N, C-alpha and C. Protein backbone atom coordinates (compact mmCIF):
# COMPACT_ATOMS: atom_id res chain seq x y z
N PRO A 1 0.64 -1.27 -0.02
CA PRO A 1 -0.06 -0.02 0.05
C PRO A 1 0.70 1.27 -0.20
N ASN A 2 2.00 1.16 0.58
CA ASN A 2 2.76 2.39 0.60
C ASN A 2 3.58 2.74 -0.70
N GLY A 3 3.38 1.67 -1.43
CA GLY A 3 4.31 1.84 -2.60
C GLY A 3 5.68 1.69 -2.64
N ILE A 4 6.47 1.20 -1.57
CA ILE A 4 7.63 1.04 -1.35
C ILE A 4 8.13 -0.36 -0.73
N ASP A 5 7.21 -0.97 0.07
CA ASP A 5 7.50 -2.60 0.53
C ASP A 5 7.15 -3.30 -0.60
N ARG A 6 8.04 -4.27 -0.55
CA ARG A 6 7.92 -5.52 -1.60
C ARG A 6 7.64 -6.79 -0.99
N GLN A 7 7.05 -7.34 -1.69
CA GLN A 7 6.58 -8.78 -1.50
C GLN A 7 6.86 -9.88 -2.53
N ARG A 8 7.17 -11.10 -1.84
CA ARG A 8 7.55 -12.33 -2.76
C ARG A 8 7.46 -13.36 -2.23
N VAL A 9 6.57 -14.18 -3.19
CA VAL A 9 6.03 -15.70 -2.90
C VAL A 9 6.87 -16.56 -3.67
N ILE A 10 7.50 -17.54 -3.13
CA ILE A 10 8.22 -18.45 -3.82
C ILE A 10 7.68 -19.92 -3.50
N ARG A 11 7.25 -20.73 -4.77
CA ARG A 11 6.79 -22.04 -4.30
C ARG A 11 7.79 -23.08 -5.07
N PHE A 12 7.98 -24.11 -4.54
CA PHE A 12 8.73 -25.07 -5.07
C PHE A 12 8.12 -26.16 -5.60
N LEU A 13 8.66 -26.60 -6.96
CA LEU A 13 7.83 -27.68 -7.59
C LEU A 13 8.78 -28.91 -7.78
N ALA A 14 10.09 -28.40 -7.39
CA ALA A 14 11.17 -29.56 -7.38
C ALA A 14 12.38 -29.06 -6.92
N PRO A 15 13.17 -29.95 -6.29
CA PRO A 15 13.19 -31.35 -6.36
C PRO A 15 12.41 -31.89 -5.38
N ALA A 16 11.94 -33.26 -5.08
CA ALA A 16 10.91 -33.69 -4.38
C ALA A 16 11.02 -33.64 -3.21
N GLU A 17 12.26 -33.39 -2.71
CA GLU A 17 12.49 -33.25 -0.81
C GLU A 17 11.98 -31.77 -0.58
N VAL A 18 11.77 -30.89 -1.30
CA VAL A 18 11.21 -29.42 -1.15
C VAL A 18 9.89 -29.21 -1.95
N LYS A 19 9.20 -30.12 -2.39
CA LYS A 19 7.98 -29.66 -3.43
C LYS A 19 6.96 -29.41 -2.40
N GLY A 20 6.31 -28.38 -2.86
CA GLY A 20 5.14 -27.85 -2.13
C GLY A 20 5.59 -26.94 -1.25
N THR A 21 6.81 -26.95 -0.72
CA THR A 21 7.29 -25.71 0.20
C THR A 21 7.03 -24.41 -0.43
N ALA A 22 6.56 -23.35 0.20
CA ALA A 22 6.37 -22.11 -0.19
C ALA A 22 6.86 -21.12 0.86
N THR A 23 7.11 -20.09 0.49
CA THR A 23 7.68 -18.82 1.22
C THR A 23 7.14 -17.59 0.92
N LEU A 24 6.62 -17.00 2.00
CA LEU A 24 6.37 -15.33 1.76
C LEU A 24 7.38 -14.54 2.15
N LEU A 25 7.86 -13.54 1.50
CA LEU A 25 8.72 -12.63 2.10
C LEU A 25 8.31 -11.06 1.89
N VAL A 26 8.03 -10.51 2.78
CA VAL A 26 7.59 -9.05 3.00
C VAL A 26 8.60 -8.21 3.57
N GLU A 27 9.10 -7.51 2.56
CA GLU A 27 10.28 -6.36 3.04
C GLU A 27 9.60 -5.10 3.31
N HIS A 28 9.74 -4.59 4.30
CA HIS A 28 9.16 -3.46 5.08
C HIS A 28 10.08 -2.35 5.08
N ALA A 29 10.02 -1.36 4.48
CA ALA A 29 11.08 -0.01 4.26
C ALA A 29 11.15 0.45 5.75
N ASP A 30 10.10 0.23 6.74
CA ASP A 30 10.32 1.02 7.83
C ASP A 30 10.48 0.20 9.20
N GLY A 31 10.56 -1.17 8.97
CA GLY A 31 10.72 -2.11 10.03
C GLY A 31 11.27 -3.37 9.53
N ASP A 32 11.14 -4.37 10.50
CA ASP A 32 11.52 -5.71 10.38
C ASP A 32 10.91 -6.17 9.25
N ASP A 33 11.46 -6.97 8.36
CA ASP A 33 10.98 -7.70 7.31
C ASP A 33 10.13 -9.06 7.87
N ASP A 34 9.14 -9.49 7.11
CA ASP A 34 8.33 -10.70 7.70
C ASP A 34 8.50 -11.84 6.63
N ILE A 35 8.94 -12.79 7.17
CA ILE A 35 9.24 -14.12 6.62
C ILE A 35 8.37 -15.23 7.11
N TRP A 36 7.56 -15.95 6.11
CA TRP A 36 6.88 -17.04 6.52
C TRP A 36 7.00 -18.18 5.46
N ILE A 37 7.04 -19.44 5.99
CA ILE A 37 7.41 -20.68 5.39
C ILE A 37 6.48 -21.67 5.60
N TYR A 38 5.76 -22.31 4.51
CA TYR A 38 4.87 -23.31 4.69
C TYR A 38 5.85 -24.73 4.48
N LEU A 39 5.58 -25.62 5.29
CA LEU A 39 6.19 -26.86 5.06
C LEU A 39 5.07 -27.85 5.00
N PRO A 40 5.15 -28.46 3.86
CA PRO A 40 4.01 -29.72 3.37
C PRO A 40 3.88 -30.73 4.47
N ALA A 41 5.23 -31.13 4.70
CA ALA A 41 5.12 -32.27 5.70
C ALA A 41 4.73 -32.13 6.86
N LEU A 42 4.72 -30.80 7.51
CA LEU A 42 4.02 -30.51 8.83
C LEU A 42 2.65 -30.00 8.41
N ARG A 43 2.32 -29.61 7.27
CA ARG A 43 0.97 -28.87 6.88
C ARG A 43 0.80 -27.86 7.76
N LYS A 44 2.09 -26.92 7.85
CA LYS A 44 1.93 -25.74 8.82
C LYS A 44 2.60 -24.71 8.43
N VAL A 45 2.10 -23.54 8.49
CA VAL A 45 2.79 -22.21 8.09
C VAL A 45 3.47 -21.74 9.40
N ARG A 46 4.94 -21.33 9.43
CA ARG A 46 5.72 -20.75 10.30
C ARG A 46 6.13 -19.49 10.12
N ARG A 47 6.01 -18.69 10.96
CA ARG A 47 6.82 -17.40 11.07
C ARG A 47 8.19 -17.41 11.48
N LEU A 48 9.16 -16.75 10.61
CA LEU A 48 10.42 -16.65 10.99
C LEU A 48 10.70 -15.18 11.53
N ILE A 49 11.66 -15.29 12.55
CA ILE A 49 11.79 -13.96 13.12
C ILE A 49 13.24 -13.29 12.39
N ALA A 50 13.44 -12.07 12.63
CA ALA A 50 14.63 -11.33 11.80
C ALA A 50 15.96 -12.06 11.80
N ASN A 51 16.29 -12.72 12.81
CA ASN A 51 17.30 -13.33 13.12
C ASN A 51 17.56 -14.50 12.19
N ASN A 52 16.57 -15.08 11.64
CA ASN A 52 16.49 -16.29 10.70
C ASN A 52 17.01 -15.93 9.58
N LYS A 53 17.26 -14.70 9.16
CA LYS A 53 17.51 -14.04 7.96
C LYS A 53 18.97 -14.85 7.45
N LYS A 54 19.81 -15.17 8.65
CA LYS A 54 21.10 -16.03 8.17
C LYS A 54 20.91 -17.30 8.00
N ASP A 55 19.82 -17.96 8.39
CA ASP A 55 19.77 -19.21 8.35
C ASP A 55 19.52 -19.69 6.88
N SER A 56 19.61 -20.92 6.59
CA SER A 56 19.64 -21.51 5.40
C SER A 56 18.37 -21.38 4.60
N PHE A 57 18.06 -20.89 3.36
CA PHE A 57 16.95 -21.02 2.79
C PHE A 57 16.45 -22.27 2.01
N VAL A 58 15.54 -22.79 2.92
CA VAL A 58 15.03 -24.38 2.60
C VAL A 58 16.09 -25.30 2.20
N GLY A 59 17.22 -25.30 3.02
CA GLY A 59 18.09 -26.17 3.04
C GLY A 59 19.29 -26.06 1.84
N THR A 60 19.28 -24.75 1.26
CA THR A 60 20.10 -24.57 0.05
C THR A 60 21.43 -23.93 0.92
N ASP A 61 22.50 -23.32 -0.01
CA ASP A 61 23.46 -22.59 0.40
C ASP A 61 23.16 -20.92 0.58
N PHE A 62 21.96 -20.42 -0.02
CA PHE A 62 21.50 -19.20 0.06
C PHE A 62 20.85 -19.19 1.58
N SER A 63 21.05 -17.97 2.16
CA SER A 63 20.27 -17.77 3.32
C SER A 63 19.00 -16.97 3.02
N TYR A 64 17.91 -16.59 4.06
CA TYR A 64 17.08 -16.02 3.50
C TYR A 64 17.29 -14.59 3.39
N GLY A 65 18.36 -14.11 3.81
CA GLY A 65 18.72 -12.77 3.76
C GLY A 65 19.10 -12.70 2.19
N ASP A 66 19.98 -13.64 1.89
CA ASP A 66 20.42 -13.60 0.27
C ASP A 66 19.31 -13.61 -0.65
N ILE A 67 18.10 -14.11 -0.30
CA ILE A 67 16.89 -14.10 -1.10
C ILE A 67 16.15 -12.90 -1.09
N ILE A 68 15.89 -12.35 0.31
CA ILE A 68 15.20 -11.03 0.32
C ILE A 68 16.15 -9.90 -0.27
N GLY A 69 17.32 -9.99 0.11
CA GLY A 69 18.24 -8.71 -0.16
C GLY A 69 18.65 -8.18 0.88
N HIS A 70 19.39 -7.13 0.80
CA HIS A 70 19.73 -6.34 2.21
C HIS A 70 19.42 -4.80 1.85
N ARG A 71 18.85 -4.32 2.96
CA ARG A 71 18.63 -2.85 2.81
C ARG A 71 19.75 -2.11 2.63
N ILE A 72 19.82 -1.03 1.92
CA ILE A 72 21.03 -0.22 1.50
C ILE A 72 21.36 0.43 2.72
N GLU A 73 20.24 1.05 3.42
CA GLU A 73 20.51 2.11 4.58
C GLU A 73 21.39 1.19 5.53
N ASP A 74 21.20 -0.19 5.67
CA ASP A 74 21.89 -1.08 6.89
C ASP A 74 23.37 -1.31 6.71
N TRP A 75 23.79 -0.80 5.56
CA TRP A 75 25.34 -1.04 5.42
C TRP A 75 26.05 -0.01 4.75
N THR A 76 27.29 0.31 5.02
CA THR A 76 28.14 1.42 4.44
C THR A 76 28.85 0.72 3.30
N HIS A 77 28.62 1.48 2.17
CA HIS A 77 29.02 1.02 0.91
C HIS A 77 30.33 1.83 0.24
N GLN A 78 31.24 1.31 -0.18
CA GLN A 78 31.98 1.94 -1.06
C GLN A 78 32.76 1.20 -2.22
N LEU A 79 32.90 2.11 -3.26
CA LEU A 79 33.47 1.62 -4.46
C LEU A 79 34.86 1.40 -4.43
N VAL A 80 35.33 0.14 -4.59
CA VAL A 80 36.67 -0.16 -4.28
C VAL A 80 37.44 -0.40 -5.54
N GLY A 81 36.79 -0.36 -6.62
CA GLY A 81 37.46 -0.67 -8.09
C GLY A 81 36.37 -1.20 -9.26
N ARG A 82 36.94 -1.28 -10.05
CA ARG A 82 36.39 -1.90 -11.47
C ARG A 82 37.13 -3.07 -11.93
N GLU A 83 36.44 -4.04 -12.48
CA GLU A 83 36.89 -5.18 -12.80
C GLU A 83 35.97 -5.66 -14.20
N THR A 84 36.63 -6.58 -14.82
CA THR A 84 35.73 -7.10 -15.79
C THR A 84 35.43 -8.53 -15.42
N VAL A 85 34.05 -8.93 -15.69
CA VAL A 85 33.76 -10.25 -15.35
C VAL A 85 32.66 -10.76 -16.45
N GLY A 86 33.13 -11.86 -17.04
CA GLY A 86 32.43 -12.71 -17.93
C GLY A 86 32.06 -11.47 -19.30
N GLY A 87 33.52 -10.69 -19.28
CA GLY A 87 33.39 -9.93 -20.38
C GLY A 87 32.70 -8.53 -20.36
N SER A 88 32.14 -8.34 -19.29
CA SER A 88 31.53 -6.94 -18.90
C SER A 88 32.37 -6.20 -17.75
N GLU A 89 32.49 -5.00 -17.95
CA GLU A 89 32.85 -4.23 -17.15
C GLU A 89 31.80 -3.88 -15.95
N THR A 90 32.51 -3.90 -14.49
CA THR A 90 31.74 -3.89 -13.42
C THR A 90 32.29 -3.22 -12.53
N TYR A 91 31.30 -2.59 -11.43
CA TYR A 91 31.78 -1.68 -10.40
C TYR A 91 32.01 -2.73 -9.15
N VAL A 92 32.95 -2.55 -8.29
CA VAL A 92 33.40 -3.56 -7.27
C VAL A 92 32.79 -2.56 -6.02
N ILE A 93 31.85 -3.05 -5.40
CA ILE A 93 31.53 -2.35 -4.18
C ILE A 93 31.49 -3.43 -2.91
N GLU A 94 32.17 -2.68 -1.78
CA GLU A 94 32.34 -3.45 -0.57
C GLU A 94 31.38 -2.96 0.34
N ALA A 95 30.68 -3.74 1.02
CA ALA A 95 29.59 -3.29 2.11
C ALA A 95 29.92 -4.07 3.41
N VAL A 96 29.83 -2.87 4.46
CA VAL A 96 30.13 -3.76 5.87
C VAL A 96 28.86 -3.12 6.57
N PRO A 97 28.18 -3.89 7.53
CA PRO A 97 27.11 -3.76 8.38
C PRO A 97 27.32 -2.11 9.12
N ARG A 98 26.67 -1.46 9.10
CA ARG A 98 26.50 -0.25 10.15
C ARG A 98 26.30 -0.52 11.66
N SER A 99 25.71 -1.59 11.95
CA SER A 99 25.55 -1.95 13.29
C SER A 99 25.77 -3.32 13.69
N ASP A 100 26.05 -3.86 14.90
CA ASP A 100 26.15 -5.27 15.38
C ASP A 100 24.85 -5.85 15.24
N ALA A 101 23.74 -5.26 15.32
CA ALA A 101 22.17 -5.95 14.80
C ALA A 101 22.32 -6.37 13.57
N VAL A 102 22.86 -5.53 12.47
CA VAL A 102 22.77 -5.93 10.94
C VAL A 102 23.78 -7.28 10.95
N ARG A 103 25.00 -7.00 11.43
CA ARG A 103 25.92 -8.17 11.45
C ARG A 103 25.37 -9.34 11.98
N GLU A 104 24.67 -9.39 12.91
CA GLU A 104 24.12 -10.60 13.74
C GLU A 104 22.94 -11.05 12.72
N THR A 105 21.96 -10.25 12.08
CA THR A 105 20.87 -10.89 11.39
C THR A 105 21.13 -11.31 10.39
N SER A 106 22.29 -10.82 9.57
CA SER A 106 22.76 -10.98 8.42
C SER A 106 23.57 -12.28 8.31
N GLY A 107 24.54 -12.41 9.50
CA GLY A 107 25.53 -13.37 9.37
C GLY A 107 26.62 -13.02 8.91
N TYR A 108 26.67 -11.58 8.26
CA TYR A 108 28.01 -11.42 7.38
C TYR A 108 28.69 -10.11 8.14
N GLY A 109 29.82 -10.16 8.01
CA GLY A 109 30.89 -8.97 8.48
C GLY A 109 31.09 -8.44 7.53
N LYS A 110 31.04 -8.61 6.27
CA LYS A 110 31.47 -8.02 4.96
C LYS A 110 30.89 -8.49 3.77
N ARG A 111 30.45 -7.88 2.78
CA ARG A 111 30.19 -8.28 1.50
C ARG A 111 30.64 -7.50 0.34
N LYS A 112 31.12 -8.12 -0.67
CA LYS A 112 31.60 -7.50 -1.91
C LYS A 112 30.71 -7.93 -3.00
N VAL A 113 30.50 -7.29 -3.74
CA VAL A 113 29.60 -7.15 -4.98
C VAL A 113 30.09 -6.65 -6.25
N TRP A 114 30.11 -7.24 -7.28
CA TRP A 114 30.38 -6.83 -8.82
C TRP A 114 29.24 -6.70 -9.41
N ILE A 115 28.80 -5.28 -9.67
CA ILE A 115 27.72 -4.98 -10.23
C ILE A 115 27.99 -4.30 -11.77
N ARG A 116 27.43 -5.07 -12.82
CA ARG A 116 27.65 -4.66 -14.30
C ARG A 116 27.52 -3.20 -14.40
N ALA A 117 28.36 -2.60 -15.22
CA ALA A 117 28.17 -1.11 -15.42
C ALA A 117 27.19 -0.82 -16.36
N ASP A 118 26.77 -1.62 -17.28
CA ASP A 118 25.89 -1.32 -18.27
C ASP A 118 24.31 -1.61 -18.07
N ASN A 119 24.19 -2.53 -17.09
CA ASN A 119 22.72 -2.70 -16.72
C ASN A 119 22.47 -2.81 -15.26
N HIS A 120 23.58 -2.71 -14.27
CA HIS A 120 23.15 -2.65 -13.04
C HIS A 120 22.85 -4.09 -12.15
N VAL A 121 23.11 -5.28 -12.99
CA VAL A 121 23.06 -6.57 -12.23
C VAL A 121 24.26 -7.02 -11.60
N ALA A 122 23.88 -7.48 -10.25
CA ALA A 122 25.05 -8.27 -9.76
C ALA A 122 25.35 -9.54 -10.28
N VAL A 123 26.57 -9.80 -10.73
CA VAL A 123 27.14 -10.87 -11.46
C VAL A 123 28.05 -11.83 -10.41
N LYS A 124 28.48 -11.28 -9.46
CA LYS A 124 29.32 -11.87 -8.71
C LYS A 124 29.36 -11.24 -7.15
N ALA A 125 29.57 -12.04 -6.17
CA ALA A 125 29.50 -11.55 -4.69
C ALA A 125 30.32 -12.59 -3.74
N THR A 126 30.86 -11.84 -3.01
CA THR A 126 31.71 -12.61 -1.78
C THR A 126 30.89 -12.26 -0.34
N TYR A 127 31.14 -13.07 0.52
CA TYR A 127 30.53 -12.96 1.71
C TYR A 127 31.56 -13.53 2.84
N TRP A 128 31.74 -12.62 3.74
CA TRP A 128 32.69 -12.78 4.67
C TRP A 128 32.11 -12.89 6.12
N ASN A 129 32.48 -13.97 7.04
CA ASN A 129 31.72 -13.69 8.43
C ASN A 129 32.20 -12.64 9.47
N GLY A 130 31.62 -12.45 10.69
CA GLY A 130 32.23 -11.44 11.46
C GLY A 130 33.98 -11.69 11.90
N SER A 131 34.17 -12.67 11.70
CA SER A 131 35.78 -13.00 11.88
C SER A 131 36.72 -12.82 10.80
N GLY A 132 36.11 -12.21 9.52
CA GLY A 132 36.67 -12.05 8.39
C GLY A 132 37.07 -13.34 7.62
N THR A 133 36.30 -14.30 7.88
CA THR A 133 36.60 -15.53 7.02
C THR A 133 35.84 -15.52 5.78
N LEU A 134 36.09 -15.94 4.84
CA LEU A 134 35.28 -16.16 3.47
C LEU A 134 34.51 -17.19 3.69
N ILE A 135 33.11 -16.97 3.51
CA ILE A 135 32.21 -18.30 3.88
C ILE A 135 31.41 -18.52 2.41
N LYS A 136 31.14 -17.59 1.71
CA LYS A 136 30.35 -17.88 0.33
C LYS A 136 30.85 -17.08 -0.90
N GLU A 137 30.46 -17.45 -2.05
CA GLU A 137 30.84 -16.90 -3.24
C GLU A 137 29.54 -17.37 -4.10
N LEU A 138 28.81 -16.05 -4.80
CA LEU A 138 28.00 -16.22 -5.79
C LEU A 138 28.23 -15.77 -6.98
N GLU A 139 28.04 -16.75 -7.75
CA GLU A 139 28.29 -16.39 -9.45
C GLU A 139 26.75 -16.35 -9.88
N ALA A 140 26.58 -15.24 -10.76
CA ALA A 140 25.41 -15.05 -11.50
C ALA A 140 25.43 -14.88 -13.01
N ASP A 141 24.99 -15.43 -13.89
CA ASP A 141 25.20 -15.30 -15.45
C ASP A 141 23.83 -15.56 -16.00
N ASP A 142 24.01 -15.55 -17.19
CA ASP A 142 22.68 -15.69 -18.26
C ASP A 142 21.55 -14.38 -17.88
N VAL A 143 22.38 -13.47 -18.18
CA VAL A 143 21.47 -12.04 -17.63
C VAL A 143 20.78 -11.70 -18.89
N ARG A 144 19.46 -11.65 -18.59
CA ARG A 144 18.58 -11.18 -19.80
C ARG A 144 17.75 -9.92 -19.31
N ILE A 145 17.24 -9.27 -20.46
CA ILE A 145 16.16 -8.09 -20.03
C ILE A 145 15.02 -8.71 -20.04
N ILE A 146 14.25 -8.23 -18.69
CA ILE A 146 12.97 -8.85 -18.42
C ILE A 146 11.75 -7.85 -18.68
N ASP A 147 12.20 -6.54 -18.74
CA ASP A 147 11.37 -5.35 -18.92
C ASP A 147 11.90 -4.63 -19.49
N PRO A 148 11.74 -4.51 -20.97
CA PRO A 148 12.47 -3.22 -21.88
C PRO A 148 12.06 -2.14 -21.73
N LYS A 149 10.59 -1.79 -21.26
CA LYS A 149 10.11 -0.31 -20.97
C LYS A 149 10.82 0.34 -19.89
N ALA A 150 11.06 -0.58 -18.75
CA ALA A 150 11.77 -0.20 -17.43
C ALA A 150 13.40 -0.23 -17.51
N ASP A 151 13.85 -0.89 -18.68
CA ASP A 151 15.22 -1.27 -18.78
C ASP A 151 15.81 -2.14 -17.37
N LYS A 152 14.97 -3.15 -16.99
CA LYS A 152 15.21 -4.11 -15.91
C LYS A 152 15.69 -5.26 -16.65
N TRP A 153 16.70 -5.79 -15.78
CA TRP A 153 17.65 -6.97 -16.25
C TRP A 153 17.48 -7.98 -15.22
N GLN A 154 17.85 -9.43 -15.32
CA GLN A 154 18.07 -10.21 -14.44
C GLN A 154 18.60 -11.32 -14.76
N ALA A 155 19.30 -11.95 -13.74
CA ALA A 155 20.34 -13.21 -13.97
C ALA A 155 19.52 -14.29 -13.99
N PHE A 156 19.46 -15.07 -14.70
CA PHE A 156 18.67 -16.45 -14.72
C PHE A 156 19.32 -17.59 -14.22
N HIS A 157 20.58 -17.51 -13.75
CA HIS A 157 21.13 -18.66 -13.49
C HIS A 157 22.31 -18.05 -12.35
N LEU A 158 22.01 -18.55 -10.96
CA LEU A 158 22.82 -18.28 -9.78
C LEU A 158 23.32 -19.48 -9.41
N THR A 159 24.67 -19.41 -8.76
CA THR A 159 25.34 -20.41 -8.12
C THR A 159 25.88 -19.78 -6.99
N MET A 160 25.64 -20.39 -5.70
CA MET A 160 26.17 -20.08 -4.25
C MET A 160 27.12 -21.06 -3.91
N HIS A 161 28.48 -20.75 -3.94
CA HIS A 161 29.37 -21.68 -3.28
C HIS A 161 29.49 -21.84 -2.01
N ASN A 162 29.22 -22.70 -0.97
CA ASN A 162 29.71 -22.74 0.30
C ASN A 162 31.07 -22.92 0.45
N ARG A 163 32.22 -22.19 0.99
CA ARG A 163 33.67 -22.17 0.94
C ARG A 163 33.94 -23.01 2.28
N GLN A 164 32.94 -23.04 3.08
CA GLN A 164 33.26 -23.85 4.39
C GLN A 164 33.13 -25.41 4.28
N THR A 165 31.85 -25.62 3.32
CA THR A 165 31.54 -27.08 3.19
C THR A 165 31.97 -27.60 1.82
N GLY A 166 32.19 -26.84 0.71
CA GLY A 166 32.49 -27.35 -0.54
C GLY A 166 31.01 -27.46 -1.44
N HIS A 167 29.94 -27.33 -0.84
CA HIS A 167 28.87 -27.71 -1.32
C HIS A 167 28.25 -26.43 -2.14
N ARG A 168 27.49 -26.66 -3.19
CA ARG A 168 26.79 -25.26 -3.87
C ARG A 168 25.43 -25.58 -4.23
N THR A 169 24.95 -24.45 -4.45
CA THR A 169 23.09 -24.58 -4.83
C THR A 169 23.19 -23.61 -6.07
N GLU A 170 22.23 -24.16 -7.11
CA GLU A 170 22.15 -23.46 -8.16
C GLU A 170 20.70 -23.09 -8.51
N LEU A 171 20.26 -21.93 -8.56
CA LEU A 171 19.16 -21.42 -8.92
C LEU A 171 18.98 -21.08 -10.17
N VAL A 172 17.92 -21.75 -11.03
CA VAL A 172 17.85 -21.54 -12.21
C VAL A 172 16.41 -20.92 -12.68
N PHE A 173 16.27 -20.06 -13.14
CA PHE A 173 15.07 -19.34 -13.57
C PHE A 173 14.76 -20.03 -15.11
N THR A 174 13.51 -20.50 -15.28
CA THR A 174 13.36 -21.13 -16.57
C THR A 174 12.20 -20.22 -17.06
N LYS A 175 11.43 -19.45 -16.43
CA LYS A 175 10.19 -18.36 -16.87
C LYS A 175 10.16 -17.38 -15.80
N LEU A 176 9.95 -16.26 -16.32
CA LEU A 176 9.80 -15.08 -15.30
C LEU A 176 9.01 -14.10 -16.25
N ASP A 177 7.72 -13.83 -15.70
CA ASP A 177 6.89 -12.92 -16.38
C ASP A 177 6.68 -11.59 -15.52
N VAL A 178 6.69 -10.55 -16.14
CA VAL A 178 6.80 -9.22 -15.61
C VAL A 178 5.34 -8.71 -15.95
N GLY A 179 5.01 -7.87 -14.93
CA GLY A 179 3.83 -7.00 -15.08
C GLY A 179 2.12 -8.05 -15.05
N VAL A 180 2.37 -9.12 -14.40
CA VAL A 180 1.34 -9.96 -14.29
C VAL A 180 0.69 -9.45 -12.83
N GLY A 181 -0.75 -9.21 -13.15
CA GLY A 181 -1.43 -8.70 -12.02
C GLY A 181 -1.70 -10.03 -10.94
N LEU A 182 -1.39 -9.63 -9.81
CA LEU A 182 -1.68 -10.60 -8.56
C LEU A 182 -2.56 -9.84 -7.71
N ARG A 183 -3.44 -10.75 -7.09
CA ARG A 183 -4.37 -10.09 -5.96
C ARG A 183 -3.59 -10.35 -4.65
N ASP A 184 -3.95 -9.15 -3.92
CA ASP A 184 -3.36 -8.90 -2.71
C ASP A 184 -3.31 -10.34 -1.68
N GLU A 185 -4.42 -11.02 -2.00
CA GLU A 185 -4.34 -12.25 -0.98
C GLU A 185 -3.59 -13.31 -1.15
N GLU A 186 -2.86 -13.06 -2.52
CA GLU A 186 -2.00 -14.17 -2.81
C GLU A 186 -0.45 -13.99 -2.20
N PHE A 187 -0.42 -12.92 -1.38
CA PHE A 187 0.76 -12.45 -0.64
C PHE A 187 0.15 -12.52 1.06
N SER A 188 -0.34 -13.43 1.27
CA SER A 188 -0.72 -13.67 2.58
C SER A 188 -0.30 -14.84 3.28
N GLU A 189 -0.23 -15.02 4.61
CA GLU A 189 0.15 -16.05 5.14
C GLU A 189 -0.94 -17.32 5.05
N ARG A 190 -2.37 -17.20 4.95
CA ARG A 190 -3.05 -18.09 5.00
C ARG A 190 -3.16 -18.71 3.34
N TYR A 191 -2.65 -17.83 2.57
CA TYR A 191 -2.63 -18.48 0.93
C TYR A 191 -1.36 -19.51 0.87
N LEU A 192 -0.39 -19.52 1.50
CA LEU A 192 0.91 -20.17 1.27
C LEU A 192 0.66 -21.74 1.05
N ASN A 193 -0.49 -22.30 1.81
CA ASN A 193 -0.78 -23.63 1.67
C ASN A 193 -1.64 -23.93 0.54
N LYS A 194 -2.05 -23.00 -0.17
CA LYS A 194 -2.78 -23.48 -1.42
C LYS A 194 -1.94 -23.71 -2.63
N GLU A 195 -2.40 -24.74 -3.42
CA GLU A 195 -1.99 -24.93 -4.84
C GLU A 195 -2.02 -23.77 -5.48
N PRO A 196 -0.80 -23.71 -6.04
CA PRO A 196 -0.81 -22.43 -7.38
C PRO A 196 -1.87 -22.74 -8.45
């Protein structure tokens, strides 16, 4: 309603171990974000608290915070260089938490993000814990325009490498529609357990 907050529903169709799982993420510009998850095995919707942002997103190497994103005002950003990544010029931005609370809820002591200069899509990122240890690295490619009128672009393939475990998670978008009208009720806690 305020034109600023963002809402996102994610429903998993595969693989089998997460099929039917759904999440509702509501980013509030003026307060803590809301996160709900529907677990089909329990047939229950559970609300997660802000500290859960550092937790694994449905068993992947992405955290809930990685999926929701990070508020710009919660971090101090500095341009630390320019590099070529995948044939494209990028700005290299280093971000550190503005407070201990942000450090605690995000699980990160520092982030470094490579943002393409031509379309402003993040194509690489590294994440350190509060002790300064590299814990994860993100690669994003297959960047496509999704809304030519608004000049909006999206990476369709993201890979998060966990440098502590050697594990990795790939997120692949196969279809992305922009400007689809959705009803407000589709972004509600009670709607999560309904089949799409």
